[in-house]
C-alpha atoms as a PDB file:
ATOM      1  CA  MET A   1     -37.521  15.403 -44.528  1.00  0.00           C
ATOM      2  CA  LEU A   2     -37.639  18.155 -41.921  1.00  0.00           C
ATOM      3  CA  SER A   3     -39.354  16.015 -39.272  1.00  0.00           C
ATOM      4  CA  LYS A   4     -36.561  13.565 -39.519  1.00  0.00           C
ATOM      5  CA  LEU A   5     -33.949  16.198 -39.264  1.00  0.00           C
ATOM      6  CA  ARG A   6     -35.816  17.733 -36.349  1.00  0.00           C
ATOM      7  CA  LYS A   7     -36.007  14.004 -34.592  1.00  0.00           C
ATOM      8  CA  ALA A   8     -32.351  13.601 -35.315  1.00  0.00           C
ATOM      9  CA  PHE A   9     -31.654  16.952 -33.760  1.00  0.00           C
ATOM     10  CA  TRP A  10     -33.718  16.144 -30.820  1.00  0.00           C
ATOM     11  CA  LEU A  11     -32.053  12.802 -30.352  1.00  0.00           C
ATOM     12  CA  PHE A  12     -28.755  14.286 -30.554  1.00  0.00           C
ATOM     13  CA  GLY A  13     -29.665  16.990 -28.003  1.00  0.00           C
ATOM     14  CA  PHE A  14     -31.168  14.403 -25.654  1.00  0.00           C
ATOM     15  CA  THR A  15     -27.959  12.174 -26.058  1.00  0.00           C
ATOM     16  CA  VAL A  16     -25.647  15.269 -25.092  1.00  0.00           C
ATOM     17  CA  LEU A  17     -28.024  16.156 -22.306  1.00  0.00           C
ATOM     18  CA  ILE A  18     -27.712  12.538 -20.896  1.00  0.00           C
ATOM     19  CA  LEU A  19     -24.024  12.517 -21.346  1.00  0.00           C
ATOM     20  CA  ALA A  20     -23.467  15.897 -19.650  1.00  0.00           C
ATOM     21  CA  LEU A  21     -25.545  14.737 -16.735  1.00  0.00           C
ATOM     22  CA  PHE A  22     -23.931  11.307 -16.128  1.00  0.00           C
ATOM     23  CA  LEU A  23     -20.539  11.307 -17.527  1.00  0.00           C
ATOM     24  CA  PRO A  24     -18.876  13.399 -14.702  1.00  0.00           C
ATOM     25  CA  GLY A  25     -20.484  11.011 -12.151  1.00  0.00           C
ATOM     26  CA  TYR A  26     -19.213   7.943 -14.019  1.00  0.00           C
ATOM     27  CA  VAL A  27     -15.551   9.407 -14.359  1.00  0.00           C
ATOM     28  CA  LYS A  28     -15.540   9.892 -10.674  1.00  0.00           C
ATOM     29  CA  LEU A  29     -16.978   6.498 -10.034  1.00  0.00           C
ATOM     30  CA  GLN A  30     -14.109   4.917 -12.106  1.00  0.00           C
ATOM     31  CA  GLY A  31     -11.535   7.072 -10.067  1.00  0.00           C
ATOM     32  CA  LEU A  32     -13.060   6.016  -6.729  1.00  0.00           C
ATOM     33  CA  ARG A  33     -12.880   2.285  -7.942  1.00  0.00           C
ATOM     34  CA  ALA A  34      -9.246   2.693  -8.839  1.00  0.00           C
ATOM     35  CA  LYS A  35      -8.487   4.237  -5.288  1.00  0.00           C
ATOM     36  CA  ASN A  36     -10.437   1.574  -3.561  1.00  0.00           C
ATOM     37  CA  ARG A  37      -8.305  -1.112  -5.328  1.00  0.00           C
ATOM     38  CA  ARG A  38      -5.185   0.630  -4.333  1.00  0.00           C
ATOM     39  CA  LEU A  39      -6.313   0.910  -0.887  1.00  0.00           C
ATOM     40  CA  GLU A  40      -7.333  -2.853  -0.596  1.00  0.00           C
ATOM     41  CA  ASP A  41      -3.941  -3.925  -1.943  1.00  0.00           C
ATOM     42  CA  ASN A  42      -2.312  -1.422   0.554  1.00  0.00           C
ATOM     43  CA  PHE A  43      -4.382  -3.013   3.268  1.00  0.00           C
ATOM     44  CA  ARG A  44      -3.274  -6.475   2.308  1.00  0.00           C
ATOM     45  CA  LYS A  45       0.252  -5.695   2.221  1.00  0.00           C
ATOM     46  CA  MET A  46      -0.051  -4.096   5.794  1.00  0.00           C
ATOM     47  CA  THR A  47      -2.086  -7.091   7.204  1.00  0.00           C
ATOM     48  CA  VAL A  48       0.720  -9.411   6.287  1.00  0.00           C
ATOM     49  CA  GLU A  49       3.536  -7.108   7.553  1.00  0.00           C
ATOM     50  CA  ASN A  50       1.429  -6.770  10.896  1.00  0.00           C
ATOM     51  CA  TYR A  51       1.312 -10.633  11.219  1.00  0.00           C
ATOM     52  CA  LEU A  52       5.098 -10.838  10.439  1.00  0.00           C
ATOM     53  CA  LEU A  53       5.773  -8.228  13.201  1.00  0.00           C
ATOM     54  CA  GLN A  54       3.495  -9.888  15.659  1.00  0.00           C
ATOM     55  CA  GLU A  55       5.418 -13.116  15.196  1.00  0.00           C
ATOM     56  CA  GLU A  56       8.718 -11.491  15.630  1.00  0.00           C
ATOM     57  CA  LEU A  57       7.367  -9.857  18.864  1.00  0.00           C
ATOM     58  CA  LYS A  58       6.186 -13.336  20.067  1.00  0.00           C
ATOM     59  CA  ARG A  59       9.610 -14.539  19.237  1.00  0.00           C
ATOM     60  CA  VAL A  60      11.237 -11.491  21.039  1.00  0.00           C
ATOM     61  CA  ASP A  61       9.174 -12.211  24.094  1.00  0.00           C
ATOM     62  CA  THR A  62       9.606 -15.947  24.324  1.00  0.00           C
ATOM     63  CA  ASP A  63      12.964 -16.955  22.668  1.00  0.00           C
ATOM     64  CA  PRO A  64      16.006 -16.304  24.807  1.00  0.00           C
ATOM     65  CA  VAL A  65      18.438 -17.148  22.037  1.00  0.00           C
ATOM     66  CA  TYR A  66      16.603 -14.579  19.606  1.00  0.00           C
ATOM     67  CA  GLN A  67      16.773 -11.982  22.458  1.00  0.00           C
ATOM     68  CA  GLU A  68      20.549 -12.474  22.761  1.00  0.00           C
ATOM     69  CA  LYS A  69      20.989 -12.345  19.075  1.00  0.00           C
ATOM     70  CA  MET A  70      19.043  -9.038  18.890  1.00  0.00           C
ATOM     71  CA  ALA A  71      20.872  -7.578  21.771  1.00  0.00           C
ATOM     72  CA  ARG A  72      24.239  -8.534  20.039  1.00  0.00           C
ATOM     73  CA  ASP A  73      23.313  -7.349  16.693  1.00  0.00           C
ATOM     74  CA  LYS A  74      21.131  -4.206  17.409  1.00  0.00           C
ATOM     75  CA  MET A  75      22.896  -2.780  20.717  1.00  0.00           C
ATOM     76  CA  GLY A  76      26.312  -4.283  20.519  1.00  0.00           C
ATOM     77  CA  VAL A  77      26.042  -6.212  23.865  1.00  0.00           C
ATOM     78  CA  VAL A  78      28.806  -8.526  24.517  1.00  0.00           C
ATOM     79  CA  ARG A  79      29.109 -11.065  27.305  1.00  0.00           C
ATOM     80  CA  LYS A  80      31.529 -10.650  30.226  1.00  0.00           C
ATOM     81  CA  GLY A  81      35.139 -11.705  29.047  1.00  0.00           C
ATOM     82  CA  GLU A  82      34.417 -11.099  25.257  1.00  0.00           C
ATOM     83  CA  ILE A  83      36.165  -8.409  23.219  1.00  0.00           C
ATOM     84  CA  PRO A  84      34.102  -6.588  20.756  1.00  0.00           C
ATOM     85  CA  ILE A  85      35.579  -6.370  17.272  1.00  0.00           C
ATOM     86  CA  LYS A  86      34.133  -3.875  14.613  1.00  0.00           C
ATOM     87  CA  ILE A  87      34.967  -4.351  11.048  1.00  0.00           C
ATOM     88  CA  PHE A  88      34.496  -1.455   8.764  1.00  0.00           C
ATOM     89  CA  SER A  89      34.073  -1.639   5.076  1.00  0.00           C
ATOM     90  CA  ASP A  90      35.886   0.564   2.517  1.00  0.00           C
ATOM     91  CA  LYS A  91      32.428   1.916   1.284  1.00  0.00           C
ATOM     92  CA  LYS A  92      31.697   3.595   4.756  1.00  0.00           C
ATOM     93  CA  ARG A  93      35.006   5.334   5.174  1.00  0.00           C
END
């Protein structure tokens, strides 16, 4: 009976020792995997955004109609003889 109890104690002690050695590394590994997944998702989103911005840049460089639209919308440019009219909403007042 005593030898079985001693074996169980040693087995328990060995198990606790193994857990104490490897559990912190395993927890850190899981955290790094989660961070890697977040970074990969962020990278995919930024890749798509980068592609869309490159396409818009090509359009700005080559499409005169788009250039005019951007100049009118963003900078308030008007053609000679046109009268600019600004409309204010009630929320901005």
